[in-house]
PDB file of N, CA and C in Angstrom:
ATOM      1  N   MET A   1     -12.372  88.316 -34.755  1.00  0.00           N
ATOM      2  CA  MET A   1     -12.147  89.718 -34.920  1.00  0.00           C
ATOM      3  C   MET A   1     -12.713  90.302 -36.235  1.00  0.00           C
ATOM      4  N   ALA A   2     -12.686  89.424 -37.261  1.00  0.00           N
ATOM      5  CA  ALA A   2     -13.203  89.838 -38.567  1.00  0.00           C
ATOM      6  C   ALA A   2     -14.689  90.092 -38.539  1.00  0.00           C
ATOM      7  N   GLU A   3     -15.414  89.273 -37.807  1.00  0.00           N
ATOM      8  CA  GLU A   3     -16.872  89.381 -37.777  1.00  0.00           C
ATOM      9  C   GLU A   3     -17.346  90.467 -36.823  1.00  0.00           C
ATOM     10  N   PHE A   4     -16.611  90.737 -35.751  1.00  0.00           N
ATOM     11  CA  PHE A   4     -17.056  91.699 -34.728  1.00  0.00           C
ATOM     12  C   PHE A   4     -15.835  92.398 -34.199  1.00  0.00           C
ATOM     13  N   PRO A   5     -15.357  93.449 -34.944  1.00  0.00           N
ATOM     14  CA  PRO A   5     -14.107  94.125 -34.612  1.00  0.00           C
ATOM     15  C   PRO A   5     -14.128  94.799 -33.250  1.00  0.00           C
ATOM     16  N   ALA A   6     -15.226  95.056 -32.711  1.00  0.00           N
ATOM     17  CA  ALA A   6     -15.345  95.703 -31.408  1.00  0.00           C
ATOM     18  C   ALA A   6     -14.660  94.868 -30.322  1.00  0.00           C
ATOM     19  N   LEU A   7     -14.595  93.550 -30.554  1.00  0.00           N
ATOM     20  CA  LEU A   7     -13.959  92.667 -29.517  1.00  0.00           C
ATOM     21  C   LEU A   7     -12.452  92.742 -29.533  1.00  0.00           C
ATOM     22  N   ASN A   8     -11.840  93.244 -30.646  1.00  0.00           N
ATOM     23  CA  ASN A   8     -10.396  93.299 -30.733  1.00  0.00           C
ATOM     24  C   ASN A   8      -9.758  94.016 -29.585  1.00  0.00           C
ATOM     25  N   GLY A   9      -8.866  93.328 -28.849  1.00  0.00           N
ATOM     26  CA  GLY A   9      -8.181  93.985 -27.712  1.00  0.00           C
ATOM     27  C   GLY A   9      -9.003  94.084 -26.459  1.00  0.00           C
ATOM     28  N   GLN A  10     -10.204  93.551 -26.404  1.00  0.00           N
ATOM     29  CA  GLN A  10     -11.033  93.670 -25.212  1.00  0.00           C
ATOM     30  C   GLN A  10     -10.980  92.441 -24.281  1.00  0.00           C
ATOM     31  N   SER A  11     -10.180  91.488 -24.608  1.00  0.00           N
ATOM     32  CA  SER A  11     -10.135  90.237 -23.878  1.00  0.00           C
ATOM     33  C   SER A  11     -11.501  89.532 -23.805  1.00  0.00           C
ATOM     34  N   VAL A  12     -12.206  89.643 -24.912  1.00  0.00           N
ATOM     35  CA  VAL A  12     -13.573  89.106 -25.039  1.00  0.00           C
ATOM     36  C   VAL A  12     -13.578  88.193 -26.325  1.00  0.00           C
ATOM     37  N   SER A  13     -14.330  87.091 -26.219  1.00  0.00           N
ATOM     38  CA  SER A  13     -14.494  86.287 -27.404  1.00  0.00           C
ATOM     39  C   SER A  13     -15.955  85.780 -27.395  1.00  0.00           C
ATOM     40  N   TYR A  14     -16.373  85.146 -28.466  1.00  0.00           N
ATOM     41  CA  TYR A  14     -17.689  84.578 -28.501  1.00  0.00           C
ATOM     42  C   TYR A  14     -17.668  83.261 -29.233  1.00  0.00           C
ATOM     43  N   ALA A  15     -18.671  82.455 -28.915  1.00  0.00           N
ATOM     44  CA  ALA A  15     -18.806  81.156 -29.586  1.00  0.00           C
ATOM     45  C   ALA A  15     -20.330  80.782 -29.592  1.00  0.00           C
ATOM     46  N   VAL A  16     -20.739  79.994 -30.515  1.00  0.00           N
ATOM     47  CA  VAL A  16     -22.052  79.476 -30.554  1.00  0.00           C
ATOM     48  C   VAL A  16     -21.972  78.024 -30.217  1.00  0.00           C
ATOM     49  N   LEU A  17     -22.670  77.637 -29.194  1.00  0.00           N
ATOM     50  CA  LEU A  17     -22.629  76.212 -28.791  1.00  0.00           C
ATOM     51  C   LEU A  17     -24.065  75.675 -28.745  1.00  0.00           C
ATOM     52  N   GLN A  18     -24.219  74.384 -29.128  1.00  0.00           N
ATOM     53  CA  GLN A  18     -25.483  73.733 -28.980  1.00  0.00           C
ATOM     54  C   GLN A  18     -25.290  72.465 -28.182  1.00  0.00           C
ATOM     55  N   TYR A  19     -26.037  72.307 -27.155  1.00  0.00           N
ATOM     56  CA  TYR A  19     -25.879  71.163 -26.262  1.00  0.00           C
ATOM     57  C   TYR A  19     -27.110  70.298 -26.340  1.00  0.00           C
ATOM     58  N   PRO A  20     -26.968  69.004 -26.470  1.00  0.00           N
ATOM     59  CA  PRO A  20     -28.108  68.084 -26.443  1.00  0.00           C
ATOM     60  C   PRO A  20     -28.646  68.129 -25.027  1.00  0.00           C
ATOM     61  N   ALA A  21     -29.924  67.721 -24.873  1.00  0.00           N
ATOM     62  CA  ALA A  21     -30.556  67.643 -23.553  1.00  0.00           C
ATOM     63  C   ALA A  21     -29.729  66.836 -22.561  1.00  0.00           C
ATOM     64  N   CYS A  22     -29.663  67.330 -21.338  1.00  0.00           N
ATOM     65  CA  CYS A  22     -28.949  66.638 -20.201  1.00  0.00           C
ATOM     66  C   CYS A  22     -27.424  66.549 -20.413  1.00  0.00           C
ATOM     67  N   SER A  23     -26.852  67.337 -21.284  1.00  0.00           N
ATOM     68  CA  SER A  23     -25.408  67.313 -21.429  1.00  0.00           C
ATOM     69  C   SER A  23     -24.705  68.307 -20.561  1.00  0.00           C
ATOM     70  N   LEU A  24     -23.426  68.196 -20.531  1.00  0.00           N
ATOM     71  CA  LEU A  24     -22.595  69.067 -19.690  1.00  0.00           C
ATOM     72  C   LEU A  24     -21.529  69.819 -20.511  1.00  0.00           C
ATOM     73  N   ASN A  25     -21.226  71.002 -20.041  1.00  0.00           N
ATOM     74  CA  ASN A  25     -20.091  71.747 -20.543  1.00  0.00           C
ATOM     75  C   ASN A  25     -18.938  71.350 -19.581  1.00  0.00           C
ATOM     76  N   PRO A  26     -17.835  70.803 -20.098  1.00  0.00           N
ATOM     77  CA  PRO A  26     -16.735  70.377 -19.225  1.00  0.00           C
ATOM     78  C   PRO A  26     -16.281  71.516 -18.350  1.00  0.00           C
ATOM     79  N   HIS A  27     -15.816  71.154 -17.168  1.00  0.00           N
ATOM     80  CA  HIS A  27     -15.264  72.114 -16.223  1.00  0.00           C
ATOM     81  C   HIS A  27     -14.044  72.753 -16.878  1.00  0.00           C
ATOM     82  N   HIS A  28     -13.876  73.993 -16.664  1.00  0.00           N
ATOM     83  CA  HIS A  28     -12.739  74.720 -17.244  1.00  0.00           C
ATOM     84  C   HIS A  28     -12.471  75.988 -16.452  1.00  0.00           C
ATOM     85  N   THR A  29     -11.339  76.619 -16.711  1.00  0.00           N
ATOM     86  CA  THR A  29     -11.029  77.883 -16.012  1.00  0.00           C
ATOM     87  C   THR A  29     -11.107  79.016 -17.002  1.00  0.00           C
ATOM     88  N   SER A  30     -11.465  80.161 -16.529  1.00  0.00           N
ATOM     89  CA  SER A  30     -11.520  81.354 -17.359  1.00  0.00           C
ATOM     90  C   SER A  30     -10.866  82.489 -16.563  1.00  0.00           C
ATOM     91  N   PRO A  31      -9.514  82.440 -16.401  1.00  0.00           N
ATOM     92  CA  PRO A  31      -8.873  83.382 -15.551  1.00  0.00           C
ATOM     93  C   PRO A  31      -8.828  84.833 -16.016  1.00  0.00           C
ATOM     94  N   CYS A  32      -9.011  85.083 -17.283  1.00  0.00           N
ATOM     95  CA  CYS A  32      -8.897  86.440 -17.780  1.00  0.00           C
ATOM     96  C   CYS A  32     -10.105  86.858 -18.673  1.00  0.00           C
ATOM     97  N   ASP A  33     -11.215  86.227 -18.477  1.00  0.00           N
ATOM     98  CA  ASP A  33     -12.356  86.592 -19.283  1.00  0.00           C
ATOM     99  C   ASP A  33     -13.682  86.355 -18.548  1.00  0.00           C
ATOM    100  N   THR A  34     -14.750  86.808 -19.154  1.00  0.00           N
ATOM    101  CA  THR A  34     -16.082  86.714 -18.612  1.00  0.00           C
ATOM    102  C   THR A  34     -16.879  85.910 -19.613  1.00  0.00           C
ATOM    103  N   GLU A  35     -17.813  85.122 -19.143  1.00  0.00           N
ATOM    104  CA  GLU A  35     -18.641  84.296 -20.007  1.00  0.00           C
ATOM    105  C   GLU A  35     -20.077  84.852 -19.930  1.00  0.00           C
ATOM    106  N   LEU A  36     -20.757  84.893 -21.091  1.00  0.00           N
ATOM    107  CA  LEU A  36     -22.113  85.351 -21.202  1.00  0.00           C
ATOM    108  C   LEU A  36     -22.830  84.328 -22.040  1.00  0.00           C
ATOM    109  N   PHE A  37     -23.987  83.899 -21.525  1.00  0.00           N
ATOM    110  CA  PHE A  37     -24.752  82.860 -22.181  1.00  0.00           C
ATOM    111  C   PHE A  37     -26.061  83.428 -22.656  1.00  0.00           C
ATOM    112  N   PHE A  38     -26.476  83.039 -23.854  1.00  0.00           N
ATOM    113  CA  PHE A  38     -27.811  83.359 -24.363  1.00  0.00           C
ATOM    114  C   PHE A  38     -28.496  82.027 -24.515  1.00  0.00           C
ATOM    115  N   LEU A  39     -29.518  81.827 -23.682  1.00  0.00           N
ATOM    116  CA  LEU A  39     -30.252  80.596 -23.735  1.00  0.00           C
ATOM    117  C   LEU A  39     -31.502  80.773 -24.588  1.00  0.00           C
ATOM    118  N   THR A  40     -31.622  80.008 -25.603  1.00  0.00           N
ATOM    119  CA  THR A  40     -32.775  80.188 -26.525  1.00  0.00           C
ATOM    120  C   THR A  40     -33.856  79.155 -26.292  1.00  0.00           C
ATOM    121  N   TYR A  41     -33.530  78.059 -25.645  1.00  0.00           N
ATOM    122  CA  TYR A  41     -34.538  77.049 -25.434  1.00  0.00           C
ATOM    123  C   TYR A  41     -34.114  76.178 -24.238  1.00  0.00           C
ATOM    124  N   GLY A  42     -35.048  75.854 -23.341  1.00  0.00           N
ATOM    125  CA  GLY A  42     -34.756  74.941 -22.263  1.00  0.00           C
ATOM    126  C   GLY A  42     -34.268  75.613 -21.010  1.00  0.00           C
ATOM    127  N   MET A  43     -33.538  74.854 -20.193  1.00  0.00           N
ATOM    128  CA  MET A  43     -33.067  75.364 -18.938  1.00  0.00           C
ATOM    129  C   MET A  43     -31.572  75.112 -18.897  1.00  0.00           C
ATOM    130  N   LEU A  44     -30.881  75.909 -18.111  1.00  0.00           N
ATOM    131  CA  LEU A  44     -29.424  75.863 -18.021  1.00  0.00           C
ATOM    132  C   LEU A  44     -28.994  76.096 -16.577  1.00  0.00           C
ATOM    133  N   GLU A  45     -28.262  75.169 -15.976  1.00  0.00           N
ATOM    134  CA  GLU A  45     -27.679  75.382 -14.678  1.00  0.00           C
ATOM    135  C   GLU A  45     -26.234  75.788 -14.840  1.00  0.00           C
ATOM    136  N   VAL A  46     -25.855  76.926 -14.338  1.00  0.00           N
ATOM    137  CA  VAL A  46     -24.487  77.395 -14.450  1.00  0.00           C
ATOM    138  C   VAL A  46     -23.899  77.550 -13.038  1.00  0.00           C
ATOM    139  N   GLY A  47     -22.543  77.541 -12.987  1.00  0.00           N
ATOM    140  CA  GLY A  47     -21.958  77.696 -11.685  1.00  0.00           C
ATOM    141  C   GLY A  47     -20.488  78.044 -11.831  1.00  0.00           C
ATOM    142  N   PHE A  48     -19.934  78.519 -10.715  1.00  0.00           N
ATOM    143  CA  PHE A  48     -18.484  78.753 -10.644  1.00  0.00           C
ATOM    144  C   PHE A  48     -17.996  78.599  -9.216  1.00  0.00           C
ATOM    145  N   ILE A  49     -16.720  78.395  -9.120  1.00  0.00           N
ATOM    146  CA  ILE A  49     -16.052  78.304  -7.865  1.00  0.00           C
ATOM    147  C   ILE A  49     -15.172  79.512  -7.632  1.00  0.00           C
ATOM    148  N   ASP A  50     -15.349  80.168  -6.533  1.00  0.00           N
ATOM    149  CA  ASP A  50     -14.510  81.360  -6.288  1.00  0.00           C
ATOM    150  C   ASP A  50     -13.136  81.008  -5.752  1.00  0.00           C
ATOM    151  N   THR A  51     -12.358  82.021  -5.440  1.00  0.00           N
ATOM    152  CA  THR A  51     -10.979  81.788  -4.983  1.00  0.00           C
ATOM    153  C   THR A  51     -10.946  81.207  -3.605  1.00  0.00           C
ATOM    154  N   THR A  52     -12.078  81.116  -2.870  1.00  0.00           N
ATOM    155  CA  THR A  52     -12.091  80.469  -1.535  1.00  0.00           C
ATOM    156  C   THR A  52     -12.660  79.087  -1.670  1.00  0.00           C
ATOM    157  N   ASN A  53     -12.815  78.589  -2.920  1.00  0.00           N
ATOM    158  CA  ASN A  53     -13.285  77.222  -3.212  1.00  0.00           C
ATOM    159  C   ASN A  53     -14.807  77.087  -2.836  1.00  0.00           C
ATOM    160  N   LYS A  54     -15.528  78.130  -2.851  1.00  0.00           N
ATOM    161  CA  LYS A  54     -16.985  78.135  -2.657  1.00  0.00           C
ATOM    162  C   LYS A  54     -17.696  78.022  -3.962  1.00  0.00           C
ATOM    163  N   LEU A  55     -18.627  77.129  -4.067  1.00  0.00           N
ATOM    164  CA  LEU A  55     -19.431  76.879  -5.302  1.00  0.00           C
ATOM    165  C   LEU A  55     -20.674  77.748  -5.325  1.00  0.00           C
ATOM    166  N   PHE A  56     -20.896  78.437  -6.390  1.00  0.00           N
ATOM    167  CA  PHE A  56     -22.104  79.271  -6.638  1.00  0.00           C
ATOM    168  C   PHE A  56     -22.830  78.679  -7.847  1.00  0.00           C
ATOM    169  N   THR A  57     -24.110  78.416  -7.789  1.00  0.00           N
ATOM    170  CA  THR A  57     -24.863  77.882  -8.928  1.00  0.00           C
ATOM    171  C   THR A  57     -26.141  78.692  -9.068  1.00  0.00           C
ATOM    172  N   GLN A  58     -26.669  78.673 -10.294  1.00  0.00           N
ATOM    173  CA  GLN A  58     -27.966  79.270 -10.558  1.00  0.00           C
ATOM    174  C   GLN A  58     -28.568  78.578 -11.769  1.00  0.00           C
ATOM    175  N   ILE A  59     -29.903  78.431 -11.759  1.00  0.00           N
ATOM    176  CA  ILE A  59     -30.569  77.855 -12.907  1.00  0.00           C
ATOM    177  C   ILE A  59     -31.249  78.983 -13.707  1.00  0.00           C
ATOM    178  N   TYR A  60     -31.005  78.963 -15.013  1.00  0.00           N
ATOM    179  CA  TYR A  60     -31.637  79.940 -15.890  1.00  0.00           C
ATOM    180  C   TYR A  60     -32.661  79.216 -16.759  1.00  0.00           C
ATOM    181  N   SER A  61     -33.691  79.870 -17.097  1.00  0.00           N
ATOM    182  CA  SER A  61     -34.719  79.325 -17.965  1.00  0.00           C
ATOM    183  C   SER A  61     -35.024  80.336 -19.064  1.00  0.00           C
ATOM    184  N   CYS A  62     -35.270  79.875 -20.238  1.00  0.00           N
ATOM    185  CA  CYS A  62     -35.546  80.781 -21.350  1.00  0.00           C
ATOM    186  C   CYS A  62     -36.857  81.475 -21.149  1.00  0.00           C
ATOM    187  N   SER A  63     -37.749  81.010 -20.290  1.00  0.00           N
ATOM    188  CA  SER A  63     -39.021  81.660 -20.028  1.00  0.00           C
ATOM    189  C   SER A  63     -38.884  82.782 -19.005  1.00  0.00           C
ATOM    190  N   VAL A  64     -37.712  82.911 -18.361  1.00  0.00           N
ATOM    191  CA  VAL A  64     -37.417  83.972 -17.426  1.00  0.00           C
ATOM    192  C   VAL A  64     -36.228  84.805 -17.975  1.00  0.00           C
ATOM    193  N   ALA A  65     -36.427  85.349 -19.093  1.00  0.00           N
ATOM    194  CA  ALA A  65     -35.345  85.999 -19.783  1.00  0.00           C
ATOM    195  C   ALA A  65     -35.092  87.364 -19.187  1.00  0.00           C
ATOM    196  N   GLY A  66     -33.868  87.588 -18.756  1.00  0.00           N
ATOM    197  CA  GLY A  66     -33.418  88.897 -18.319  1.00  0.00           C
ATOM    198  C   GLY A  66     -32.650  89.500 -19.550  1.00  0.00           C
ATOM    199  N   THR A  67     -33.377  90.080 -20.445  1.00  0.00           N
ATOM    200  CA  THR A  67     -32.786  90.486 -21.743  1.00  0.00           C
ATOM    201  C   THR A  67     -32.503  91.990 -21.772  1.00  0.00           C
ATOM    202  N   VAL A  68     -31.567  92.317 -22.601  1.00  0.00           N
ATOM    203  CA  VAL A  68     -31.248  93.706 -22.950  1.00  0.00           C
ATOM    204  C   VAL A  68     -31.357  93.788 -24.428  1.00  0.00           C
ATOM    205  N   SER A  69     -32.084  94.763 -24.924  1.00  0.00           N
ATOM    206  CA  SER A  69     -32.231  94.973 -26.345  1.00  0.00           C
ATOM    207  C   SER A  69     -30.905  95.608 -26.870  1.00  0.00           C
ATOM    208  N   VAL A  70     -30.147  94.842 -27.577  1.00  0.00           N
ATOM    209  CA  VAL A  70     -28.854  95.400 -28.078  1.00  0.00           C
ATOM    210  C   VAL A  70     -29.064  96.581 -29.001  1.00  0.00           C
ATOM    211  N   PRO A  71     -29.992  96.534 -29.958  1.00  0.00           N
ATOM    212  CA  PRO A  71     -30.142  97.707 -30.825  1.00  0.00           C
ATOM    213  C   PRO A  71     -30.594  98.931 -30.042  1.00  0.00           C
ATOM    214  N   ALA A  72     -31.533  98.797 -29.134  1.00  0.00           N
ATOM    215  CA  ALA A  72     -31.964  99.914 -28.377  1.00  0.00           C
ATOM    216  C   ALA A  72     -30.905 100.440 -27.470  1.00  0.00           C
ATOM    217  N   THR A  73     -30.107  99.574 -26.874  1.00  0.00           N
ATOM    218  CA  THR A  73     -29.061 100.000 -25.970  1.00  0.00           C
ATOM    219  C   THR A  73     -27.943 100.622 -26.699  1.00  0.00           C
ATOM    220  N   VAL A  74     -27.565 100.128 -27.837  1.00  0.00           N
ATOM    221  CA  VAL A  74     -26.407 100.638 -28.550  1.00  0.00           C
ATOM    222  C   VAL A  74     -26.725 101.883 -29.426  1.00  0.00           C
ATOM    223  N   LEU A  75     -27.938 101.853 -30.010  1.00  0.00           N
ATOM    224  CA  LEU A  75     -28.301 102.917 -30.899  1.00  0.00           C
ATOM    225  C   LEU A  75     -28.912 104.142 -30.258  1.00  0.00           C
ATOM    226  N   VAL A  76     -29.203 104.066 -28.991  1.00  0.00           N
ATOM    227  CA  VAL A  76     -29.717 105.244 -28.219  1.00  0.00           C
ATOM    228  C   VAL A  76     -28.622 105.654 -27.280  1.00  0.00           C
ATOM    229  N   THR A  77     -27.454 105.912 -27.825  1.00  0.00           N
ATOM    230  CA  THR A  77     -26.306 106.368 -27.021  1.00  0.00           C
ATOM    231  C   THR A  77     -25.596 107.512 -27.773  1.00  0.00           C
ATOM    232  N   VAL A  78     -24.557 107.936 -27.178  1.00  0.00           N
ATOM    233  CA  VAL A  78     -23.696 109.011 -27.762  1.00  0.00           C
ATOM    234  C   VAL A  78     -22.487 108.376 -28.442  1.00  0.00           C
ATOM    235  N   VAL A  79     -22.481 107.094 -28.653  1.00  0.00           N
ATOM    236  CA  VAL A  79     -21.363 106.414 -29.331  1.00  0.00           C
ATOM    237  C   VAL A  79     -21.316 107.005 -30.787  1.00  0.00           C
ATOM    238  N   ASP A  80     -20.092 107.366 -31.155  1.00  0.00           N
ATOM    239  CA  ASP A  80     -19.845 108.048 -32.489  1.00  0.00           C
ATOM    240  C   ASP A  80     -20.302 107.135 -33.597  1.00  0.00           C
ATOM    241  N   ASP A  81     -21.185 107.740 -34.483  1.00  0.00           N
ATOM    242  CA  ASP A  81     -21.711 107.000 -35.578  1.00  0.00           C
ATOM    243  C   ASP A  81     -20.642 106.544 -36.621  1.00  0.00           C
ATOM    244  N   GLU A  82     -19.784 107.449 -36.939  1.00  0.00           N
ATOM    245  CA  GLU A  82     -18.772 107.162 -38.005  1.00  0.00           C
ATOM    246  C   GLU A  82     -17.593 106.359 -37.476  1.00  0.00           C
ATOM    247  N   LYS A  83     -17.006 106.791 -36.426  1.00  0.00           N
ATOM    248  CA  LYS A  83     -15.744 106.214 -35.927  1.00  0.00           C
ATOM    249  C   LYS A  83     -15.969 104.865 -35.280  1.00  0.00           C
ATOM    250  N   ILE A  84     -17.185 104.671 -34.721  1.00  0.00           N
ATOM    251  CA  ILE A  84     -17.390 103.378 -33.939  1.00  0.00           C
ATOM    252  C   ILE A  84     -18.535 102.538 -34.562  1.00  0.00           C
ATOM    253  N   LEU A  85     -19.714 103.062 -34.536  1.00  0.00           N
ATOM    254  CA  LEU A  85     -20.867 102.194 -34.905  1.00  0.00           C
ATOM    255  C   LEU A  85     -20.799 101.689 -36.382  1.00  0.00           C
ATOM    256  N   ALA A  86     -20.565 102.575 -37.304  1.00  0.00           N
ATOM    257  CA  ALA A  86     -20.475 102.160 -38.692  1.00  0.00           C
ATOM    258  C   ALA A  86     -19.394 101.121 -38.914  1.00  0.00           C
ATOM    259  N   LYS A  87     -18.255 101.276 -38.264  1.00  0.00           N
ATOM    260  CA  LYS A  87     -17.163 100.308 -38.407  1.00  0.00           C
ATOM    261  C   LYS A  87     -17.474  98.974 -37.783  1.00  0.00           C
ATOM    262  N   CYS A  88     -18.074  99.040 -36.558  1.00  0.00           N
ATOM    263  CA  CYS A  88     -18.361  97.825 -35.822  1.00  0.00           C
ATOM    264  C   CYS A  88     -19.417  96.992 -36.551  1.00  0.00           C
ATOM    265  N   PHE A  89     -20.405  97.693 -37.125  1.00  0.00           N
ATOM    266  CA  PHE A  89     -21.514  97.004 -37.780  1.00  0.00           C
ATOM    267  C   PHE A  89     -21.263  96.791 -39.318  1.00  0.00           C
ATOM    268  N   LYS A  90     -20.106  97.246 -39.748  1.00  0.00           N
ATOM    269  CA  LYS A  90     -19.665  97.111 -41.156  1.00  0.00           C
ATOM    270  C   LYS A  90     -20.696  97.677 -42.102  1.00  0.00           C
ATOM    271  N   THR A  91     -21.016  98.910 -41.849  1.00  0.00           N
ATOM    272  CA  THR A  91     -22.014  99.570 -42.705  1.00  0.00           C
ATOM    273  C   THR A  91     -21.587 101.077 -42.822  1.00  0.00           C
ATOM    274  N   ASP A  92     -22.455 101.872 -43.386  1.00  0.00           N
ATOM    275  CA  ASP A  92     -22.134 103.277 -43.524  1.00  0.00           C
ATOM    276  C   ASP A  92     -22.922 104.140 -42.503  1.00  0.00           C
ATOM    277  N   VAL A  93     -22.476 105.399 -42.393  1.00  0.00           N
ATOM    278  CA  VAL A  93     -23.085 106.291 -41.398  1.00  0.00           C
ATOM    279  C   VAL A  93     -24.582 106.493 -41.661  1.00  0.00           C
ATOM    280  N   ASP A  94     -24.996 106.623 -42.928  1.00  0.00           N
ATOM    281  CA  ASP A  94     -26.409 106.829 -43.271  1.00  0.00           C
ATOM    282  C   ASP A  94     -27.272 105.684 -42.758  1.00  0.00           C
ATOM    283  N   THR A  95     -26.802 104.429 -42.901  1.00  0.00           N
ATOM    284  CA  THR A  95     -27.550 103.299 -42.430  1.00  0.00           C
ATOM    285  C   THR A  95     -27.615 103.367 -40.889  1.00  0.00           C
ATOM    286  N   ILE A  96     -26.591 103.666 -40.181  1.00  0.00           N
ATOM    287  CA  ILE A  96     -26.623 103.826 -38.740  1.00  0.00           C
ATOM    288  C   ILE A  96     -27.566 104.830 -38.297  1.00  0.00           C
ATOM    289  N   GLN A  97     -27.605 106.030 -38.961  1.00  0.00           N
ATOM    290  CA  GLN A  97     -28.533 107.101 -38.579  1.00  0.00           C
ATOM    291  C   GLN A  97     -29.982 106.662 -38.829  1.00  0.00           C
ATOM    292  N   LYS A  98     -30.262 105.919 -39.904  1.00  0.00           N
ATOM    293  CA  LYS A  98     -31.590 105.404 -40.170  1.00  0.00           C
ATOM    294  C   LYS A  98     -32.004 104.436 -39.079  1.00  0.00           C
ATOM    295  N   LEU A  99     -31.096 103.551 -38.699  1.00  0.00           N
ATOM    296  CA  LEU A  99     -31.432 102.680 -37.577  1.00  0.00           C
ATOM    297  C   LEU A  99     -31.668 103.384 -36.305  1.00  0.00           C
ATOM    298  N   LYS A 100     -30.850 104.360 -36.002  1.00  0.00           N
ATOM    299  CA  LYS A 100     -30.994 105.153 -34.776  1.00  0.00           C
ATOM    300  C   LYS A 100     -32.375 105.859 -34.753  1.00  0.00           C
ATOM    301  N   ALA A 101     -32.762 106.356 -35.894  1.00  0.00           N
ATOM    302  CA  ALA A 101     -34.037 107.058 -35.962  1.00  0.00           C
ATOM    303  C   ALA A 101     -35.230 106.121 -35.529  1.00  0.00           C
ATOM    304  N   GLY A 102     -35.119 104.866 -35.858  1.00  0.00           N
ATOM    305  CA  GLY A 102     -36.178 103.906 -35.480  1.00  0.00           C
ATOM    306  C   GLY A 102     -36.176 103.575 -33.988  1.00  0.00           C
ATOM    307  N   PHE A 103     -35.064 103.874 -33.278  1.00  0.00           N
ATOM    308  CA  PHE A 103     -35.031 103.604 -31.852  1.00  0.00           C
ATOM    309  C   PHE A 103     -34.984 104.892 -31.061  1.00  0.00           C
ATOM    310  N   ALA A 104     -35.207 106.024 -31.657  1.00  0.00           N
ATOM    311  CA  ALA A 104     -35.148 107.285 -30.901  1.00  0.00           C
ATOM    312  C   ALA A 104     -36.132 107.262 -29.754  1.00  0.00           C
ATOM    313  N   LEU A 105     -35.726 107.840 -28.625  1.00  0.00           N
ATOM    314  CA  LEU A 105     -36.618 107.820 -27.435  1.00  0.00           C
ATOM    315  C   LEU A 105     -37.828 108.730 -27.766  1.00  0.00           C
ATOM    316  N   LYS A 106     -38.961 108.173 -27.386  1.00  0.00           N
ATOM    317  CA  LYS A 106     -40.232 108.847 -27.610  1.00  0.00           C
ATOM    318  C   LYS A 106     -40.501 109.785 -26.372  1.00  0.00           C
ATOM    319  N   ALA A 107     -40.840 111.023 -26.651  1.00  0.00           N
ATOM    320  CA  ALA A 107     -41.088 111.999 -25.586  1.00  0.00           C
ATOM    321  C   ALA A 107     -42.421 111.766 -24.950  1.00  0.00           C
TER     322      ALA A 107
END
């Protein structure tokens, strides 16, 4: 919460994990959260089992990135500069407005 206060109370957490080639993430349950993976190198096979015991899997590759630009997505919104963005990014409103100017939609 100290590093990213926007997660406080959202039932969201984050972690940085590095896996050696051909390793596995142990099976686990995530009953009250969502997992999001950022693959920076290699391939990753992910899967889950639904409540009917059906397995779903998919292989992700860093060369087929379905990415969202966080700065462009967050800074080109109506999210309040002072009450939200400056606090979440631990900076001041002037800095947020300078960043937003760099991502302003081009007509």
